[in-house]
Every structure is written in C-alpha cells, then in structure tokens.
Amino acid sequence: MSKARKSGELEQMPPYWKEAVQELAKRDRIMRKLIVAAGESYPMKRGDPFKTLTRSIIGQQISVKAAESIWLRCKEICPVCTPANVIKTGGENFLKCGLSKRKTEYVMDLAGHFRKKTVYPEKWTDMNDEEVIADLTRIRGIGRWTAEMFLIFNLHRPNVLPLDDVGLIKGISMTYFSGEPVTRMEVRELAANWHPWCTVATWYLWRSLTAVPVEY
C-alpha cells in the first residue's frame, strides 16, 4: 500500500477515535481484548449522504456479507450511485440484484427525495443526533436503525448505540453474556460504561463477529 493511500485512510479516521479507544481499553477489560484482536480499525467516512443512506437501506435486517453481495451487484448496474442514476437504472433492475420489492421502493423513493430537494443534507451536520434521526425518519423506509447507521458512517458521531442492530446485540451476547440472550435494559446498563464513545464500542463488537468490516 502506498504512503499516499495510507495518508488518505488516516485522514478518514474519526477525530475522536484514538482517544476513545484508549478510554474504552482502560475502562473495560473485555473491550480491551476486542480492540487488540481487531487491530487498527475504524469506520471509513462516507462523504455522500445519498450513497450512505442507500447502502444502509440495502443492509436492513440482513447480514453484512449478504448486504455487501447485493451492493456489489447494484454497483454493476449503477456504477455511480447518484439519485439521477438510480432513477435512470429503474427499480426492476435493482430487483434483479437481490433487493426485495420493499427495499427497492425505499431506494427509489429516497432518490426522488434527493432529486426533488425535499431533504436538506447540508443541515444535518449542525443538528444533534436526535434531530438528525427525527429528520431522516420522515423519509419512507428510513427507521431509527438506518438513521443511526447514517450517524455512524456519514456524520461520524461518537456516541451512537443502535439498540436494534442484530450484530451489536449478538456481539454483546457472545462477549459479555456467554451467548445468553440479552435485554435492551442490559445493553443500556453495559453501555453506560462506554459513554461518550458508544459508536467505537459498537464498531469493535461488530468486528468481533466478522473479519469483514461493516460499511455503509
């Protein structure tokens, strides 16, 4: 890997990441093991809001591997993911890539919102997390989980705890509760020790389950 590539990747690191990793490693011995096992790892920032939201919709309620597979097929028919290109490609072609009918409708609706400028992504950077979530969930097909993925991967917010994320819950179950089911209350109690770095803890729990980095 070239030095330029390394430099570019480092520029993508969330500004809080190193401090957060150090803090979590001090506070939580299990988290410290996950951090060591994962090595230098962090979510790459996605600068384009539409592409991030599209990938998040594709990833709803399926595994990281399945989502990546569908995304790669979508890229073959629509190499540049812009609202205009998605609309031009058409829903029928996205269905052939493995997207469900409902997700296809969501992606096409999202493209329509962006093309008609009925959403204002330039304002989201100045909003707090809950304000962004409230604004995004007005769009059909975007629930709280999808909005939280946007906070993590596009806005690089440091303290997002996606309680509806299957990977997070499974990671907590496997690493903290010996595989036993966990309740939302138990997750919140455990996460109290991670604040204000819940995004970082979530990332390492995801990485504990798969060698493929989560990406939206």
C-alpha atoms as a PDB file:
ATOM      1  CA  MET A   1       0.000   0.000   0.000  1.00  0.00           C
ATOM      2  CA  SER A   2       1.401   3.386  -0.950  1.00  0.00           C
ATOM      3  CA  LYS A   3       2.166   6.111   1.556  1.00  0.00           C
ATOM      4  CA  ALA A   4      -0.373   8.321  -0.159  1.00  0.00           C
ATOM      5  CA  ARG A   5      -3.056   5.681   0.321  1.00  0.00           C
ATOM      6  CA  LYS A   6      -2.144   5.308   3.984  1.00  0.00           C
ATOM      7  CA  SER A   7      -2.260   9.043   4.465  1.00  0.00           C
ATOM      8  CA  GLY A   8      -5.655   9.204   2.777  1.00  0.00           C
ATOM      9  CA  GLU A   9      -7.015   6.489   5.026  1.00  0.00           C
ATOM     10  CA  LEU A  10      -5.695   8.183   8.149  1.00  0.00           C
ATOM     11  CA  GLU A  11      -7.486  11.358   7.114  1.00  0.00           C
ATOM     12  CA  GLN A  12     -10.695   9.352   7.161  1.00  0.00           C
ATOM     13  CA  MET A  13     -10.262   8.298  10.796  1.00  0.00           C
ATOM     14  CA  PRO A  14     -12.839   9.912  13.084  1.00  0.00           C
ATOM     15  CA  PRO A  15     -11.048  12.667  15.041  1.00  0.00           C
ATOM     16  CA  TYR A  16     -12.128  11.191  18.376  1.00  0.00           C
ATOM     17  CA  TRP A  17     -11.168   7.587  17.584  1.00  0.00           C
ATOM     18  CA  LYS A  18      -7.749   7.251  19.235  1.00  0.00           C
ATOM     19  CA  GLU A  19      -8.890   8.951  22.440  1.00  0.00           C
ATOM     20  CA  ALA A  20     -11.994   6.763  22.528  1.00  0.00           C
ATOM     21  CA  VAL A  21     -10.003   3.554  22.033  1.00  0.00           C
ATOM     22  CA  GLN A  22      -7.658   4.458  24.876  1.00  0.00           C
ATOM     23  CA  GLU A  23     -10.539   5.281  27.211  1.00  0.00           C
ATOM     24  CA  LEU A  24     -12.510   2.138  26.428  1.00  0.00           C
ATOM     25  CA  ALA A  25      -9.437  -0.063  26.846  1.00  0.00           C
ATOM     26  CA  LYS A  26      -8.866   1.412  30.313  1.00  0.00           C
ATOM     27  CA  ARG A  27     -12.474   1.071  31.471  1.00  0.00           C
ATOM     28  CA  ASP A  28     -13.474  -2.316  30.066  1.00  0.00           C
ATOM     29  CA  ARG A  29     -11.172  -5.355  30.001  1.00  0.00           C
ATOM     30  CA  ILE A  30     -13.371  -7.262  27.547  1.00  0.00           C
ATOM     31  CA  MET A  31     -13.492  -4.305  25.205  1.00  0.00           C
ATOM     32  CA  ARG A  32      -9.714  -4.039  25.503  1.00  0.00           C
ATOM     33  CA  LYS A  33      -9.397  -7.631  24.201  1.00  0.00           C
ATOM     34  CA  LEU A  34     -11.693  -6.859  21.275  1.00  0.00           C
ATOM     35  CA  ILE A  35      -9.665  -3.776  20.389  1.00  0.00           C
ATOM     36  CA  VAL A  36      -6.394  -5.701  20.441  1.00  0.00           C
ATOM     37  CA  ALA A  37      -7.870  -8.531  18.362  1.00  0.00           C
ATOM     38  CA  ALA A  38      -9.233  -6.153  15.705  1.00  0.00           C
ATOM     39  CA  GLY A  39      -6.049  -4.133  15.350  1.00  0.00           C
ATOM     40  CA  GLU A  40      -6.173  -0.651  13.850  1.00  0.00           C
ATOM     41  CA  SER A  41      -9.724  -0.482  12.646  1.00  0.00           C
ATOM     42  CA  TYR A  42     -12.317   2.224  12.248  1.00  0.00           C
ATOM     43  CA  PRO A  43     -15.319   3.051  10.038  1.00  0.00           C
ATOM     44  CA  MET A  44     -14.321   4.858   6.882  1.00  0.00           C
ATOM     45  CA  LYS A  45     -16.197   8.122   6.495  1.00  0.00           C
ATOM     46  CA  ARG A  46     -18.648   8.213   3.616  1.00  0.00           C
ATOM     47  CA  GLY A  47     -18.964  11.757   2.362  1.00  0.00           C
ATOM     48  CA  ASP A  48     -22.020  11.286   0.167  1.00  0.00           C
ATOM     49  CA  PRO A  49     -25.301  11.230   2.159  1.00  0.00           C
ATOM     50  CA  PHE A  50     -27.348   9.611  -0.603  1.00  0.00           C
ATOM     51  CA  LYS A  51     -24.921   6.730  -1.107  1.00  0.00           C
ATOM     52  CA  THR A  52     -24.643   6.147   2.652  1.00  0.00           C
ATOM     53  CA  LEU A  53     -28.423   6.013   3.079  1.00  0.00           C
ATOM     54  CA  THR A  54     -28.828   3.759   0.050  1.00  0.00           C
ATOM     55  CA  ARG A  55     -26.303   1.279   1.422  1.00  0.00           C
ATOM     56  CA  SER A  56     -27.976   1.409   4.821  1.00  0.00           C
ATOM     57  CA  ILE A  57     -31.361   0.572   3.297  1.00  0.00           C
ATOM     58  CA  ILE A  58     -29.800  -2.354   1.436  1.00  0.00           C
ATOM     59  CA  GLY A  59     -28.287  -3.579   4.720  1.00  0.00           C
ATOM     60  CA  GLN A  60     -31.519  -3.513   6.723  1.00  0.00           C
ATOM     61  CA  GLN A  61     -32.166  -6.794   8.590  1.00  0.00           C
ATOM     62  CA  ILE A  62     -29.599  -8.858   6.675  1.00  0.00           C
ATOM     63  CA  SER A  63     -26.022  -9.919   7.372  1.00  0.00           C
ATOM     64  CA  VAL A  64     -23.013  -7.802   6.468  1.00  0.00           C
ATOM     65  CA  LYS A  65     -21.947 -10.446   3.937  1.00  0.00           C
ATOM     66  CA  ALA A  66     -25.359 -10.537   2.242  1.00  0.00           C
ATOM     67  CA  ALA A  67     -25.569  -6.742   2.140  1.00  0.00           C
ATOM     68  CA  GLU A  68     -22.111  -6.478   0.565  1.00  0.00           C
ATOM     69  CA  SER A  69     -23.020  -9.067  -2.063  1.00  0.00           C
ATOM     70  CA  ILE A  70     -26.191  -7.207  -3.066  1.00  0.00           C
ATOM     71  CA  TRP A  71     -24.378  -3.868  -3.058  1.00  0.00           C
ATOM     72  CA  LEU A  72     -21.716  -5.176  -5.446  1.00  0.00           C
ATOM     73  CA  ARG A  73     -24.406  -6.382  -7.840  1.00  0.00           C
ATOM     74  CA  CYS A  74     -26.117  -2.992  -7.617  1.00  0.00           C
ATOM     75  CA  LYS A  75     -22.809  -1.300  -8.470  1.00  0.00           C
ATOM     76  CA  GLU A  76     -22.580  -3.369 -11.641  1.00  0.00           C
ATOM     77  CA  ILE A  77     -25.819  -1.905 -12.995  1.00  0.00           C
ATOM     78  CA  CYS A  78     -25.400   1.535 -11.417  1.00  0.00           C
ATOM     79  CA  PRO A  79     -21.644   2.213 -11.007  1.00  0.00           C
ATOM     80  CA  VAL A  80     -22.089   5.789  -9.761  1.00  0.00           C
ATOM     81  CA  CYS A  81     -24.689   5.935  -7.003  1.00  0.00           C
ATOM     82  CA  THR A  82     -26.447   9.252  -7.504  1.00  0.00           C
ATOM     83  CA  PRO A  83     -30.189   9.976  -7.307  1.00  0.00           C
ATOM     84  CA  ALA A  84     -30.377  10.612 -11.052  1.00  0.00           C
ATOM     85  CA  ASN A  85     -28.528   7.402 -11.924  1.00  0.00           C
ATOM     86  CA  VAL A  86     -30.631   5.296  -9.549  1.00  0.00           C
ATOM     87  CA  ILE A  87     -33.855   6.641 -11.080  1.00  0.00           C
ATOM     88  CA  LYS A  88     -32.472   6.082 -14.590  1.00  0.00           C
ATOM     89  CA  THR A  89     -31.473   2.490 -13.751  1.00  0.00           C
ATOM     90  CA  GLY A  90     -35.003   1.730 -12.564  1.00  0.00           C
ATOM     91  CA  GLY A  91     -36.481  -0.410  -9.835  1.00  0.00           C
ATOM     92  CA  GLU A  92     -36.861  -3.548 -11.958  1.00  0.00           C
ATOM     93  CA  ASN A  93     -33.097  -3.762 -12.438  1.00  0.00           C
ATOM     94  CA  PHE A  94     -32.439  -3.387  -8.711  1.00  0.00           C
ATOM     95  CA  LEU A  95     -34.884  -6.208  -8.027  1.00  0.00           C
ATOM     96  CA  LYS A  96     -32.708  -8.441 -10.205  1.00  0.00           C
ATOM     97  CA  CYS A  97     -29.746  -7.645  -7.908  1.00  0.00           C
ATOM     98  CA  GLY A  98     -31.464  -9.291  -4.965  1.00  0.00           C
ATOM     99  CA  LEU A  99     -33.154  -6.295  -3.377  1.00  0.00           C
ATOM    100  CA  SER A 100     -36.620  -7.019  -2.031  1.00  0.00           C
ATOM    101  CA  LYS A 101     -39.556  -5.231  -3.605  1.00  0.00           C
ATOM    102  CA  ARG A 102     -39.993  -3.076  -0.498  1.00  0.00           C
ATOM    103  CA  LYS A 103     -36.314  -2.094  -0.276  1.00  0.00           C
ATOM    104  CA  THR A 104     -36.336  -1.277  -3.978  1.00  0.00           C
ATOM    105  CA  GLU A 105     -39.299   1.036  -3.401  1.00  0.00           C
ATOM    106  CA  TYR A 106     -37.433   2.667  -0.498  1.00  0.00           C
ATOM    107  CA  VAL A 107     -34.304   3.271  -2.584  1.00  0.00           C
ATOM    108  CA  MET A 108     -36.306   4.743  -5.447  1.00  0.00           C
ATOM    109  CA  ASP A 109     -38.281   6.948  -3.041  1.00  0.00           C
ATOM    110  CA  LEU A 110     -35.043   8.139  -1.429  1.00  0.00           C
ATOM    111  CA  ALA A 111     -33.654   9.031  -4.857  1.00  0.00           C
ATOM    112  CA  GLY A 112     -36.811  11.020  -5.540  1.00  0.00           C
ATOM    113  CA  HIS A 113     -36.450  12.991  -2.307  1.00  0.00           C
ATOM    114  CA  PHE A 114     -32.861  13.907  -3.098  1.00  0.00           C
ATOM    115  CA  ARG A 115     -33.576  14.768  -6.714  1.00  0.00           C
ATOM    116  CA  LYS A 116     -36.545  16.968  -5.792  1.00  0.00           C
ATOM    117  CA  LYS A 117     -34.517  18.518  -2.938  1.00  0.00           C
ATOM    118  CA  THR A 118     -37.147  17.763  -0.318  1.00  0.00           C
ATOM    119  CA  VAL A 119     -34.341  16.776   2.070  1.00  0.00           C
ATOM    120  CA  TYR A 120     -31.532  19.070   3.221  1.00  0.00           C
ATOM    121  CA  PRO A 121     -28.360  17.061   3.998  1.00  0.00           C
ATOM    122  CA  GLU A 122     -26.315  20.259   4.354  1.00  0.00           C
ATOM    123  CA  LYS A 123     -28.224  20.982   7.591  1.00  0.00           C
ATOM    124  CA  TRP A 124     -27.615  17.600   9.219  1.00  0.00           C
ATOM    125  CA  THR A 125     -24.047  18.382  10.275  1.00  0.00           C
ATOM    126  CA  ASP A 126     -25.338  21.181  12.506  1.00  0.00           C
ATOM    127  CA  MET A 127     -28.050  19.073  14.168  1.00  0.00           C
ATOM    128  CA  ASN A 128     -27.648  16.880  17.237  1.00  0.00           C
ATOM    129  CA  ASP A 129     -28.127  13.114  16.907  1.00  0.00           C
ATOM    130  CA  GLU A 130     -31.809  13.017  17.804  1.00  0.00           C
ATOM    131  CA  GLU A 131     -32.614  15.917  15.477  1.00  0.00           C
ATOM    132  CA  VAL A 132     -30.937  14.121  12.578  1.00  0.00           C
ATOM    133  CA  ILE A 133     -32.807  10.913  13.396  1.00  0.00           C
ATOM    134  CA  ALA A 134     -36.129  12.771  13.525  1.00  0.00           C
ATOM    135  CA  ASP A 135     -35.449  14.418  10.171  1.00  0.00           C
ATOM    136  CA  LEU A 136     -34.312  11.238   8.430  1.00  0.00           C
ATOM    137  CA  THR A 137     -37.146   9.061   9.690  1.00  0.00           C
ATOM    138  CA  ARG A 138     -39.624  11.275   7.858  1.00  0.00           C
ATOM    139  CA  ILE A 139     -38.383   9.560   4.682  1.00  0.00           C
ATOM    140  CA  ARG A 140     -40.152   6.344   3.743  1.00  0.00           C
ATOM    141  CA  GLY A 141     -38.069   3.274   4.528  1.00  0.00           C
ATOM    142  CA  ILE A 142     -35.721   5.023   6.922  1.00  0.00           C
ATOM    143  CA  GLY A 143     -36.261   3.989  10.503  1.00  0.00           C
ATOM    144  CA  ARG A 144     -34.177   4.654  13.558  1.00  0.00           C
ATOM    145  CA  TRP A 145     -31.614   1.937  12.746  1.00  0.00           C
ATOM    146  CA  THR A 146     -30.931   3.326   9.272  1.00  0.00           C
ATOM    147  CA  ALA A 147     -30.638   6.842  10.673  1.00  0.00           C
ATOM    148  CA  GLU A 148     -28.177   5.588  13.298  1.00  0.00           C
ATOM    149  CA  MET A 149     -26.040   3.960  10.581  1.00  0.00           C
ATOM    150  CA  PHE A 150     -26.002   7.332   8.861  1.00  0.00           C
ATOM    151  CA  LEU A 151     -24.831   9.000  12.073  1.00  0.00           C
ATOM    152  CA  ILE A 152     -22.012   6.467  12.390  1.00  0.00           C
ATOM    153  CA  PHE A 153     -20.800   6.231   8.800  1.00  0.00           C
ATOM    154  CA  ASN A 154     -21.570   9.623   7.309  1.00  0.00           C
ATOM    155  CA  LEU A 155     -21.544  12.116  10.166  1.00  0.00           C
ATOM    156  CA  HIS A 156     -19.013  10.156  12.275  1.00  0.00           C
ATOM    157  CA  ARG A 157     -20.912  10.799  15.500  1.00  0.00           C
ATOM    158  CA  PRO A 158     -19.091   9.281  18.500  1.00  0.00           C
ATOM    159  CA  ASN A 159     -21.872   8.145  20.836  1.00  0.00           C
ATOM    160  CA  VAL A 160     -24.381   6.129  18.802  1.00  0.00           C
ATOM    161  CA  LEU A 161     -25.786   2.937  20.373  1.00  0.00           C
ATOM    162  CA  PRO A 162     -28.008   1.182  17.781  1.00  0.00           C
ATOM    163  CA  LEU A 163     -30.161  -0.955  20.067  1.00  0.00           C
ATOM    164  CA  ASP A 164     -31.999  -2.509  17.121  1.00  0.00           C
ATOM    165  CA  ASP A 165     -28.803  -3.713  15.458  1.00  0.00           C
ATOM    166  CA  VAL A 166     -28.611  -7.506  15.329  1.00  0.00           C
ATOM    167  CA  GLY A 167     -24.808  -7.501  15.175  1.00  0.00           C
ATOM    168  CA  LEU A 168     -24.441  -5.306  18.243  1.00  0.00           C
ATOM    169  CA  ILE A 169     -26.805  -7.461  20.290  1.00  0.00           C
ATOM    170  CA  LYS A 170     -25.148 -10.678  19.158  1.00  0.00           C
ATOM    171  CA  GLY A 171     -21.689  -9.285  19.863  1.00  0.00           C
ATOM    172  CA  ILE A 172     -22.693  -8.278  23.383  1.00  0.00           C
ATOM    173  CA  SER A 173     -24.331 -11.656  23.972  1.00  0.00           C
ATOM    174  CA  MET A 174     -21.258 -13.592  22.812  1.00  0.00           C
ATOM    175  CA  THR A 175     -18.596 -11.493  24.532  1.00  0.00           C
ATOM    176  CA  TYR A 176     -20.271 -10.380  27.760  1.00  0.00           C
ATOM    177  CA  PHE A 177     -23.016 -12.943  28.445  1.00  0.00           C
ATOM    178  CA  SER A 178     -21.536 -16.250  27.212  1.00  0.00           C
ATOM    179  CA  GLY A 179     -24.032 -16.437  24.376  1.00  0.00           C
ATOM    180  CA  GLU A 180     -27.100 -15.914  26.546  1.00  0.00           C
ATOM    181  CA  PRO A 181     -29.880 -13.609  25.296  1.00  0.00           C
ATOM    182  CA  VAL A 182     -29.641 -10.009  26.471  1.00  0.00           C
ATOM    183  CA  THR A 183     -32.344  -7.423  27.021  1.00  0.00           C
ATOM    184  CA  ARG A 184     -32.288  -3.813  25.888  1.00  0.00           C
ATOM    185  CA  MET A 185     -32.034  -2.772  29.529  1.00  0.00           C
ATOM    186  CA  GLU A 186     -28.934  -4.942  29.994  1.00  0.00           C
ATOM    187  CA  VAL A 187     -27.391  -3.424  26.868  1.00  0.00           C
ATOM    188  CA  ARG A 188     -28.054   0.091  28.159  1.00  0.00           C
ATOM    189  CA  GLU A 189     -26.555  -0.764  31.552  1.00  0.00           C
ATOM    190  CA  LEU A 190     -23.441  -2.203  29.936  1.00  0.00           C
ATOM    191  CA  ALA A 191     -23.144   0.756  27.559  1.00  0.00           C
ATOM    192  CA  ALA A 192     -23.254   3.246  30.418  1.00  0.00           C
ATOM    193  CA  ASN A 193     -19.550   2.465  30.865  1.00  0.00           C
ATOM    194  CA  TRP A 194     -18.844   3.277  27.209  1.00  0.00           C
ATOM    195  CA  HIS A 195     -20.249   6.792  27.044  1.00  0.00           C
ATOM    196  CA  PRO A 196     -19.436   9.056  25.243  1.00  0.00           C
ATOM    197  CA  TRP A 197     -17.873   6.514  22.859  1.00  0.00           C
ATOM    198  CA  CYS A 198     -20.692   4.042  22.143  1.00  0.00           C
ATOM    199  CA  THR A 199     -20.020   4.219  18.403  1.00  0.00           C
ATOM    200  CA  VAL A 200     -16.498   2.920  18.951  1.00  0.00           C
ATOM    201  CA  ALA A 201     -17.635   0.125  21.250  1.00  0.00           C
ATOM    202  CA  THR A 202     -20.273  -0.859  18.699  1.00  0.00           C
ATOM    203  CA  TRP A 203     -17.661  -0.978  15.965  1.00  0.00           C
ATOM    204  CA  TYR A 204     -15.419  -3.386  17.873  1.00  0.00           C
ATOM    205  CA  LEU A 205     -18.356  -5.603  18.764  1.00  0.00           C
ATOM    206  CA  TRP A 206     -19.198  -5.784  15.066  1.00  0.00           C
ATOM    207  CA  ARG A 207     -15.597  -6.667  14.258  1.00  0.00           C
ATOM    208  CA  SER A 208     -15.643  -9.422  16.880  1.00  0.00           C
ATOM    209  CA  LEU A 209     -18.239 -11.231  14.757  1.00  0.00           C
ATOM    210  CA  THR A 210     -16.744 -10.883  11.296  1.00  0.00           C
ATOM    211  CA  ALA A 211     -13.448 -10.141   9.610  1.00  0.00           C
ATOM    212  CA  VAL A 212     -15.333  -8.124   7.004  1.00  0.00           C
ATOM    213  CA  PRO A 213     -15.578  -4.500   8.152  1.00  0.00           C
ATOM    214  CA  VAL A 214     -19.084  -3.122   8.381  1.00  0.00           C
ATOM    215  CA  GLU A 215     -19.558  -0.452   5.741  1.00  0.00           C
ATOM    216  CA  TYR A 216     -22.465   1.808   4.745  1.00  0.00           C
END
